[in-house]
Amino acid sequence: MGERTRYNDFARFLALHFPFKVQKISLNVGFTCPNRDGVKGYGGCTYCNNQTFNPAYCRTDKSVTQQLEEGKEFFARKYPEMKFLAYFQAYTNTYAELDKLRRMYEEALRVEGVVGLVIGTRPDCMPEELLDYLEELNRRTFLLVEYGIESTDNHTLQRINRGHTFECTVDAVKRTAERGIRVGGHVILGLPGENHEAIIRQARQVSELPLTTLKMHQLQLVRGTRMAHEYELCPEDFHLYEVDEYIDLVIDYLERVRPDLVLERFVSQSPKELLIAPDWGIKNYEFAVRMQRRLQERDTWQGKFYEEVKKETI
């Protein structure tokens, strides 16, 4: 099996939809979450510090247009012909009145060079009236709605203060996919209380969802989060993976996911000044090279055991 076919990567997925290079530009438009503002709870997810993924241009005092223009300027220096996807990333980007959401999404699409939207949200923040609008939007531009799944275990979801169940995730993903909209999912591998067996079981559960794309990354303990405090009090509750151990975990997961699922990411890298652990000291591309090498050594690929796992569940 050739190196390029060991898993479905996001770059090839984008190449199927666009005849030019495409880059996501992250946006922070000042949303909150229902587990932050008191509707479902306070404090947000125990692992979350949004500073870990917001670029410098991503500030709420700047308009959608200004953030996109500054993001374009950053990338265009290297790739002048590049086009862009506006990525509504920070917090819950469907958690507002429909009119406000429509204005923001449409403003992004009016920016020159923006060829589509990626909207990050929670499964409990997708009302039918918004789906009606997104269905229409999907007919005229590229659209990917990305849900934070994080875990398929309700006990874990409660422990990390998500404020919703996995059943809620299943419902939202299905309702969105039924509208013909591409759906992405995001999971964290290594959340407290989830051992290797539980994580591998998750691969089967995620594969049963009508997802187009999946992002995964290792659990990271970040300063300023409730989880960092929990780690100080009870470090024995956490298993923080060494890089090679995590690579093998990801491959075990890959072997059991649906072969057509597009895998966007396997690892994340928080800013060094915020990261407590694990600090692997390698760049994302270096991780990808090591993982490719390990896939080759194990002579394995995405979905290798998928049919086998599927039979066990019938």
Foldseek 3Di string as FASTA:
>chain_A
DDLVQQAFAPQVVVVVVDVFAEDEQEEEQPDAECCPPVVQHHQAFQQDDPLQPDDPLHDNVDALLSSVVVSCVVPCVPPVVYAYEYEHDPHALLQDDLVVSVVRQVVNVPHPRHQYYEGEHALVRDDPVNLVVVLVVVVPGAYEYEHELAAQDQVLCVVRSVRDHNVSVLVSQVVNVVSVHAYEYEYEPFRFPADLVRLLVRLLVVQVGPHQEYEYAYRFHWPPGNVVVVCVVCVVRGDADALVRLLVSVQSSQQAHDRRYHYHYYYGDGPPVTTDDDDNPDDRVVSVVVSSVVCVVVVHHGNNCHVVVVVVVD
